[in-house]
Amino acid sequence: MTLGIDHSEPRRLRRKRTAWFVASGFFTSVFLLFVGGTTYALTAPGYAWGEGELPIEIIMIVVSALFALFAGLRGRRLGDQAADLEDELSPYETLWLPSDPEPVDAEVAAMTPRLRVYSHRAALLCGAWVVALTLGVSGFFLMELLGQRLLDEGARTVGTVVSVHDARRGTSTITVEYVERDDVRLAIVNRDSDRDYTPGQLVTVVYDPADPERVRTLSERNDNGFLTFGSYFLAIVACIGIPCSAVAAQNWRRRHQAVLGSGWHAGRAHISHYFRQVPRISVTYRDGSGIELKGSTSTHAPPAFGEVSDVPVWVGGESRSMVVLLPRGRIRDALHAVPVYADGPRRHLSTDGGAPVTE
């Protein structure tokens, strides 16, 4: 006998809502990236705009802002639709947990406010990703500033392209020979323009007399490879981390509110957790009912891989906002909170193997 109703439609709406919120966060990061870059270019003395660069920057700012706003509003609308549908279904359902409240010990009770701590941690991590994005963008600004300063203040001489390296992956380079104070020097210059070079071609070399290792040409800024990689890495990872952390903070806040309303309920669980697979937790409550749970995308996965049976657990929350408390393991005697969602309604189980009883 089914003790609940099928919440597949609200779950589907909430999944789509989360996807739209992640998209909104991504486009917000892109918006901030281009706003920062354009602001710097407009305020930096001596910055030379490329042909059509400013209109493209403005278009990217406007388009990313519109996409972020549209995705955010779309996600909010889907969330409201899911909540309204849940409200319509709630009079006809039995809760995802047994109705009788259960007393809990101090250790289990202490996990309820800890869920709020997880939300705060995710929010702080989101702030850290914002800082990482700022550092990544600052790296691009720094490379632009150093390259322009060398171009303005460096000594110039005529150099000869000795060899050309066109990389399939990574950075293409040219090797340039030039004379500095009667010394013949070779410099490897990273290419960031779309110019084609041939051995023997003459180029203008700009170098720092105090530091001859700092070399560029009129067309190639010769950015530091480590700084370039670090800037791109921070910017790309931060654009992913910001929306993911923001969603995680919101989800843990919602789980905390759900557990406050439901309390904790004891049961025994069979846990199936394998690499690159969504954890599955089958819980049997003390009243004989059971529920199938799936792990949400989170760093709070079950502490061990494989199949484990008859694990004492505590379950709280409802629908998409549920949490299972598992023993952490032999190394540390503590409870571990795993975010889950219900894969179907709670059911009465038969006494011979746990199959649902049909009527």
Protein backbone atom coordinates (compact mmCIF):
# COMPACT_ATOMS: atom_id res chain seq x y z
CA MET A 1 0.00 0.00 0.00
CA THR A 2 1.41 3.37 -0.99
CA LEU A 3 1.63 5.87 1.85
CA GLY A 4 2.34 8.83 -0.41
CA ILE A 5 1.66 10.09 -3.89
CA ASP A 6 3.89 10.43 -6.91
CA HIS A 7 5.87 13.63 -6.69
CA SER A 8 7.65 13.12 -10.00
CA GLU A 9 6.24 16.32 -11.51
CA PRO A 10 7.35 18.61 -8.64
CA ARG A 11 10.74 16.87 -8.68
CA ARG A 12 11.05 17.46 -12.40
CA LEU A 13 10.20 21.14 -11.95
CA ARG A 14 12.73 21.51 -9.15
CA ARG A 15 15.47 19.89 -11.25
CA LYS A 16 14.74 22.31 -14.06
CA ARG A 17 14.70 25.17 -11.56
CA THR A 18 18.15 24.20 -10.29
CA ALA A 19 19.49 24.01 -13.85
CA TRP A 20 18.15 27.49 -14.64
CA PHE A 21 19.64 28.90 -11.43
CA VAL A 22 23.04 27.40 -12.30
CA ALA A 23 22.77 28.97 -15.76
CA SER A 24 21.85 32.30 -14.18
CA GLY A 25 24.90 32.10 -11.92
CA PHE A 26 27.15 31.30 -14.87
CA PHE A 27 25.91 34.24 -16.94
CA THR A 28 26.21 36.48 -13.89
CA SER A 29 29.88 35.48 -13.62
CA VAL A 30 30.37 36.25 -17.32
CA PHE A 31 28.66 39.61 -16.83
CA LEU A 32 30.97 40.51 -13.93
CA LEU A 33 34.01 39.35 -15.91
CA PHE A 34 33.24 41.61 -18.87
CA VAL A 35 32.18 44.53 -16.69
CA GLY A 36 35.49 44.36 -14.84
CA GLY A 37 37.50 44.08 -18.05
CA THR A 38 35.68 46.92 -19.78
CA THR A 39 35.94 49.17 -16.73
CA TYR A 40 39.67 48.58 -16.56
CA ALA A 41 40.12 49.25 -20.28
CA LEU A 42 38.15 52.49 -20.08
CA THR A 43 40.09 53.79 -17.07
CA ALA A 44 43.61 52.50 -17.86
CA PRO A 45 45.80 55.22 -19.40
CA GLY A 46 47.17 54.34 -22.80
CA TYR A 47 44.96 51.27 -23.36
CA ALA A 48 44.57 50.73 -27.11
CA TRP A 49 41.19 49.38 -28.17
CA GLY A 50 41.23 46.89 -30.99
CA GLU A 51 38.96 47.34 -33.96
CA GLY A 52 35.40 46.58 -32.87
CA GLU A 53 36.55 45.54 -29.38
CA LEU A 54 34.44 48.03 -27.40
CA PRO A 55 31.14 47.23 -29.20
CA ILE A 56 31.78 43.52 -28.65
CA GLU A 57 32.45 44.13 -24.95
CA ILE A 58 29.21 46.11 -24.61
CA ILE A 59 27.23 43.45 -26.47
CA MET A 60 28.63 40.72 -24.19
CA ILE A 61 27.73 42.74 -21.08
CA VAL A 62 24.17 43.35 -22.26
CA VAL A 63 23.61 39.78 -23.50
CA SER A 64 25.05 38.11 -20.38
CA ALA A 65 22.97 40.40 -18.13
CA LEU A 66 19.79 39.58 -20.08
CA PHE A 67 20.52 35.83 -20.01
CA ALA A 68 21.29 35.95 -16.26
CA LEU A 69 18.06 37.82 -15.57
CA PHE A 70 15.98 35.56 -17.81
CA ALA A 71 17.46 32.36 -16.34
CA GLY A 72 16.97 33.63 -12.77
CA LEU A 73 13.34 34.59 -13.38
CA ARG A 74 12.70 31.30 -15.19
CA GLY A 75 14.17 29.33 -12.31
CA ARG A 76 12.13 31.26 -9.78
CA ARG A 77 8.94 30.68 -11.75
CA LEU A 78 9.61 26.93 -11.94
CA GLY A 79 10.30 26.87 -8.21
CA ASP A 80 7.00 28.63 -7.52
CA GLN A 81 5.18 26.16 -9.77
CA ALA A 82 6.75 23.20 -7.92
CA ALA A 83 5.81 24.71 -4.55
CA ASP A 84 2.23 25.37 -5.67
CA LEU A 85 1.92 21.79 -6.96
CA GLU A 86 3.30 20.43 -3.69
CA ASP A 87 0.69 22.46 -1.80
CA GLU A 88 -2.07 21.04 -4.00
CA LEU A 89 -0.89 17.48 -3.43
CA SER A 90 -0.10 17.74 0.27
CA PRO A 91 -3.71 17.24 1.54
CA TYR A 92 -3.76 13.84 -0.16
CA GLU A 93 -0.40 12.51 0.94
CA THR A 94 1.13 10.87 3.93
CA LEU A 95 4.47 12.36 4.89
CA TRP A 96 7.74 10.92 3.67
CA LEU A 97 8.48 10.00 7.28
CA PRO A 98 6.49 8.06 9.87
CA SER A 99 3.93 10.26 11.58
CA ASP A 100 4.88 9.34 15.14
CA PRO A 101 7.68 11.56 16.51
CA GLU A 102 10.74 9.87 17.97
CA PRO A 103 13.01 11.04 20.78
CA VAL A 104 16.62 11.63 19.77
CA ASP A 105 19.83 11.80 21.74
CA ALA A 106 22.06 14.84 21.99
CA GLU A 107 24.32 13.76 19.13
CA VAL A 108 21.44 13.48 16.65
CA ALA A 109 19.82 16.70 17.89
CA ALA A 110 23.11 18.54 17.39
CA MET A 111 23.07 17.64 13.68
CA THR A 112 20.02 19.84 13.01
CA PRO A 113 21.77 23.20 13.55
CA ARG A 114 24.83 21.74 11.82
CA LEU A 115 22.86 21.65 8.57
CA ARG A 116 22.67 25.43 8.80
CA VAL A 117 26.45 25.49 9.27
CA TYR A 118 26.82 23.57 5.99
CA SER A 119 24.74 26.27 4.29
CA HIS A 120 26.98 28.97 5.74
CA ARG A 121 30.10 27.10 4.61
CA ALA A 122 28.78 26.85 1.07
CA ALA A 123 28.01 30.58 1.12
CA LEU A 124 31.56 31.32 2.30
CA LEU A 125 32.92 29.06 -0.43
CA CYS A 126 30.85 31.03 -2.94
CA GLY A 127 32.52 34.18 -1.65
CA ALA A 128 35.92 32.50 -2.00
CA TRP A 129 35.13 31.69 -5.62
CA VAL A 130 34.23 35.33 -6.18
CA VAL A 131 37.67 36.24 -4.84
CA ALA A 132 39.24 33.64 -7.16
CA LEU A 133 37.37 35.15 -10.11
CA THR A 134 38.65 38.58 -9.09
CA LEU A 135 42.22 37.26 -8.94
CA GLY A 136 41.86 35.62 -12.34
CA VAL A 137 40.55 38.82 -13.91
CA SER A 138 43.29 40.79 -12.13
CA GLY A 139 45.85 38.49 -13.77
CA PHE A 140 44.62 39.53 -17.21
CA PHE A 141 44.76 43.18 -16.18
CA LEU A 142 48.29 42.70 -14.84
CA MET A 143 49.51 41.09 -18.06
CA GLU A 144 47.98 43.92 -20.07
CA LEU A 145 49.57 46.52 -17.78
CA LEU A 146 53.04 44.93 -17.84
CA GLY A 147 52.94 44.44 -21.60
CA GLN A 148 51.88 48.03 -22.22
CA ARG A 149 54.52 49.38 -19.82
CA LEU A 150 57.26 47.42 -21.59
CA LEU A 151 56.00 48.68 -24.93
CA ASP A 152 56.06 52.28 -23.69
CA GLU A 153 59.32 52.25 -21.74
CA GLY A 154 61.42 49.41 -23.21
CA ALA A 155 64.34 49.72 -25.58
CA ARG A 156 63.75 48.76 -29.20
CA THR A 157 65.88 46.96 -31.72
CA VAL A 158 65.48 44.95 -34.89
CA GLY A 159 65.35 41.20 -34.44
CA THR A 160 65.17 38.20 -36.76
CA VAL A 161 62.77 35.30 -36.48
CA VAL A 162 64.94 32.20 -36.18
CA SER A 163 62.21 29.56 -35.89
CA VAL A 164 58.44 29.29 -35.68
CA HIS A 165 56.56 26.82 -33.50
CA ASP A 166 52.85 26.30 -34.24
CA ALA A 167 51.46 24.32 -31.33
CA ARG A 168 48.42 22.08 -31.75
CA ARG A 169 47.87 22.38 -28.02
CA GLY A 170 49.13 25.11 -25.79
CA THR A 171 50.85 28.30 -26.86
CA SER A 172 52.52 28.87 -30.22
CA THR A 173 55.88 30.66 -30.11
CA ILE A 174 58.57 32.25 -32.22
CA THR A 175 62.28 32.30 -31.46
CA VAL A 176 63.80 35.71 -32.11
CA GLU A 177 67.48 36.67 -32.36
CA TYR A 178 68.46 40.23 -31.53
CA VAL A 179 71.47 42.24 -30.40
CA GLU A 180 71.50 43.91 -26.97
CA ARG A 181 74.63 45.91 -26.04
CA ASP A 182 76.80 43.99 -28.50
CA ASP A 183 75.49 40.68 -27.12
CA VAL A 184 73.54 38.37 -29.42
CA ARG A 185 70.50 37.05 -27.59
CA LEU A 186 67.78 34.52 -28.35
CA ALA A 187 64.30 34.99 -26.93
CA ILE A 188 61.28 32.71 -27.13
CA VAL A 189 58.18 34.87 -27.53
CA ASN A 190 54.70 33.54 -26.83
CA ARG A 191 52.30 34.40 -29.62
CA ASP A 192 48.86 35.80 -28.84
CA SER A 193 48.10 37.49 -32.15
CA ASP A 194 46.91 35.91 -35.39
CA ARG A 195 50.00 36.99 -37.36
CA ASP A 196 51.91 34.46 -39.43
CA TYR A 197 55.70 34.33 -39.17
CA THR A 198 58.45 32.80 -41.30
CA PRO A 199 62.11 32.20 -40.43
CA GLY A 200 64.25 35.15 -41.46
CA GLN A 201 61.45 37.67 -41.01
CA LEU A 202 62.44 40.96 -39.34
CA VAL A 203 60.47 42.10 -36.29
CA THR A 204 60.80 44.94 -33.82
CA VAL A 205 61.95 43.59 -30.45
CA VAL A 206 61.15 45.55 -27.29
CA TYR A 207 63.14 44.58 -24.18
CA ASP A 208 63.85 45.84 -20.69
CA PRO A 209 67.51 46.94 -20.42
CA ALA A 210 67.47 46.23 -16.68
CA ASP A 211 66.01 42.76 -17.25
CA PRO A 212 66.79 41.43 -20.74
CA GLU A 213 64.61 38.38 -20.08
CA ARG A 214 61.56 40.62 -20.43
CA VAL A 215 61.04 40.69 -24.18
CA ARG A 216 58.12 41.32 -26.50
CA THR A 217 57.46 42.46 -30.04
CA LEU A 218 55.12 45.16 -31.28
CA SER A 219 52.44 42.57 -31.99
CA GLU A 220 53.17 39.86 -29.40
CA ARG A 221 52.84 40.76 -25.73
CA ASN A 222 54.70 37.61 -24.67
CA ASP A 223 52.65 37.04 -21.54
CA ASN A 224 54.06 34.89 -18.77
CA GLY A 225 52.84 31.33 -19.39
CA PHE A 226 52.30 30.52 -15.72
CA LEU A 227 50.36 33.73 -15.12
CA THR A 228 48.26 33.15 -18.24
CA PHE A 229 47.40 29.59 -17.23
CA GLY A 230 46.65 30.63 -13.65
CA SER A 231 44.38 33.48 -14.74
CA TYR A 232 42.40 31.31 -17.14
CA PHE A 233 42.22 28.49 -14.61
CA LEU A 234 40.92 30.71 -11.79
CA ALA A 235 38.42 32.46 -14.05
CA ILE A 236 37.00 29.26 -15.55
CA VAL A 237 36.85 27.31 -12.28
CA ALA A 238 35.34 30.29 -10.45
CA CYS A 239 32.62 30.67 -13.10
CA ILE A 240 31.66 27.06 -12.34
CA GLY A 241 32.20 27.22 -8.59
CA ILE A 242 30.17 30.38 -7.94
CA PRO A 243 26.78 29.06 -9.12
CA CYS A 244 27.42 25.56 -7.72
CA SER A 245 28.29 26.93 -4.27
CA ALA A 246 25.34 29.32 -4.32
CA VAL A 247 22.96 26.45 -5.16
CA ALA A 248 24.54 24.28 -2.44
CA ALA A 249 24.06 27.04 0.15
CA GLN A 250 20.41 27.39 -0.82
CA ASN A 251 19.83 23.62 -0.79
CA TRP A 252 21.36 23.14 2.67
CA ARG A 253 19.28 26.04 3.99
CA ARG A 254 16.15 24.38 2.59
CA ARG A 255 17.11 21.01 4.11
CA HIS A 256 17.69 22.63 7.48
CA GLN A 257 14.20 24.16 7.37
CA ALA A 258 12.69 20.81 6.33
CA VAL A 259 14.39 18.91 9.16
CA LEU A 260 13.27 21.54 11.68
CA GLY A 261 9.70 20.77 10.66
CA SER A 262 9.98 16.99 10.45
CA GLY A 263 12.48 16.02 13.12
CA TRP A 264 14.58 12.84 12.86
CA HIS A 265 13.25 9.31 12.41
CA ALA A 266 15.25 6.14 13.02
CA GLY A 267 15.59 3.24 10.62
CA ARG A 268 17.89 0.64 9.12
CA ALA A 269 19.36 1.15 5.68
CA HIS A 270 20.91 -0.72 2.79
CA ILE A 271 23.46 1.56 1.08
CA SER A 272 24.74 1.15 -2.45
CA HIS A 273 27.54 3.55 -3.31
CA TYR A 274 29.88 3.09 -6.27
CA PHE A 275 32.25 5.39 -8.10
CA ARG A 276 30.53 7.60 -10.71
CA GLN A 277 27.11 6.36 -9.62
CA VAL A 278 24.43 8.14 -7.64
CA PRO A 279 24.32 6.67 -4.11
CA ARG A 280 21.13 4.76 -3.34
CA ILE A 281 19.86 4.29 0.20
CA SER A 282 16.94 1.97 0.99
CA VAL A 283 15.56 2.80 4.43
CA THR A 284 13.20 0.70 6.52
CA TYR A 285 11.57 2.67 9.34
CA ARG A 286 10.65 1.19 12.70
CA ASP A 287 6.95 1.16 11.81
CA GLY A 288 7.61 -1.26 8.95
CA SER A 289 7.38 1.26 6.12
CA GLY A 290 10.25 1.98 3.78
CA ILE A 291 11.46 4.51 1.27
CA GLU A 292 13.98 4.62 -1.57
CA LEU A 293 16.37 7.56 -1.45
CA LYS A 294 18.95 8.82 -3.93
CA GLY A 295 21.98 10.90 -3.07
CA SER A 296 21.99 14.52 -4.20
CA THR A 297 25.02 16.01 -5.94
CA SER A 298 27.21 17.01 -3.01
CA THR A 299 30.58 16.53 -1.39
CA HIS A 300 28.66 14.93 1.52
CA ALA A 301 28.48 11.47 -0.04
CA PRO A 302 28.28 8.24 1.99
CA PRO A 303 31.68 7.69 3.65
CA ALA A 304 32.34 4.25 2.11
CA PHE A 305 32.05 2.64 -1.32
CA GLY A 306 30.29 -0.63 -2.03
CA GLU A 307 27.22 -2.35 -0.59
CA VAL A 308 26.49 -2.10 3.12
CA SER A 309 23.40 -3.53 4.80
CA ASP A 310 21.60 -3.04 8.10
CA VAL A 311 23.14 0.36 8.82
CA PRO A 312 21.47 2.34 11.63
CA VAL A 313 20.38 5.71 10.24
CA TRP A 314 18.30 8.75 11.06
CA VAL A 315 16.20 10.40 8.35
CA GLY A 316 14.69 13.88 8.27
CA GLY A 317 13.14 16.36 5.85
CA GLU A 318 10.73 15.81 2.98
CA SER A 319 10.63 15.14 -0.76
CA ARG A 320 13.64 16.83 -2.41
CA SER A 321 14.96 18.18 0.88
CA MET A 322 15.86 15.11 2.91
CA VAL A 323 18.94 14.19 4.92
CA VAL A 324 20.23 10.82 6.12
CA LEU A 325 22.56 10.61 9.12
CA LEU A 326 25.04 7.76 8.75
CA PRO A 327 27.80 6.53 11.06
CA ARG A 328 30.99 8.09 9.75
CA GLY A 329 33.03 4.91 10.18
CA ARG A 330 35.65 3.27 12.34
CA ILE A 331 38.17 6.10 12.18
CA ARG A 332 35.87 8.77 13.57
CA ASP A 333 32.94 8.03 15.85
CA ALA A 334 30.49 10.66 14.62
CA LEU A 335 27.45 11.11 12.40
CA HIS A 336 27.75 12.08 8.75
CA ALA A 337 24.95 14.01 7.01
CA VAL A 338 24.17 12.86 3.44
CA PRO A 339 21.76 14.98 1.36
CA VAL A 340 19.19 12.82 -0.44
CA TYR A 341 15.84 13.03 -2.16
CA ALA A 342 12.93 10.60 -2.21
CA ASP A 343 12.76 8.35 -5.26
CA GLY A 344 9.04 7.76 -4.90
CA PRO A 345 6.64 7.69 -1.94
CA ARG A 346 7.02 5.86 1.37
CA ARG A 347 5.52 2.36 1.35
CA HIS A 348 4.52 -0.41 3.69
CA LEU A 349 6.83 -3.38 3.24
CA SER A 350 6.00 -7.06 3.26
CA THR A 351 7.53 -9.25 5.96
CA ASP A 352 9.24 -11.61 3.48
CA GLY A 353 11.62 -9.32 1.62
CA GLY A 354 10.54 -5.76 1.60
CA ALA A 355 8.48 -5.75 -1.60
CA PRO A 356 5.61 -3.25 -1.68
CA VAL A 357 2.28 -4.65 -0.65
CA THR A 358 -0.40 -4.12 -3.30
CA GLU A 359 -4.05 -3.93 -2.48
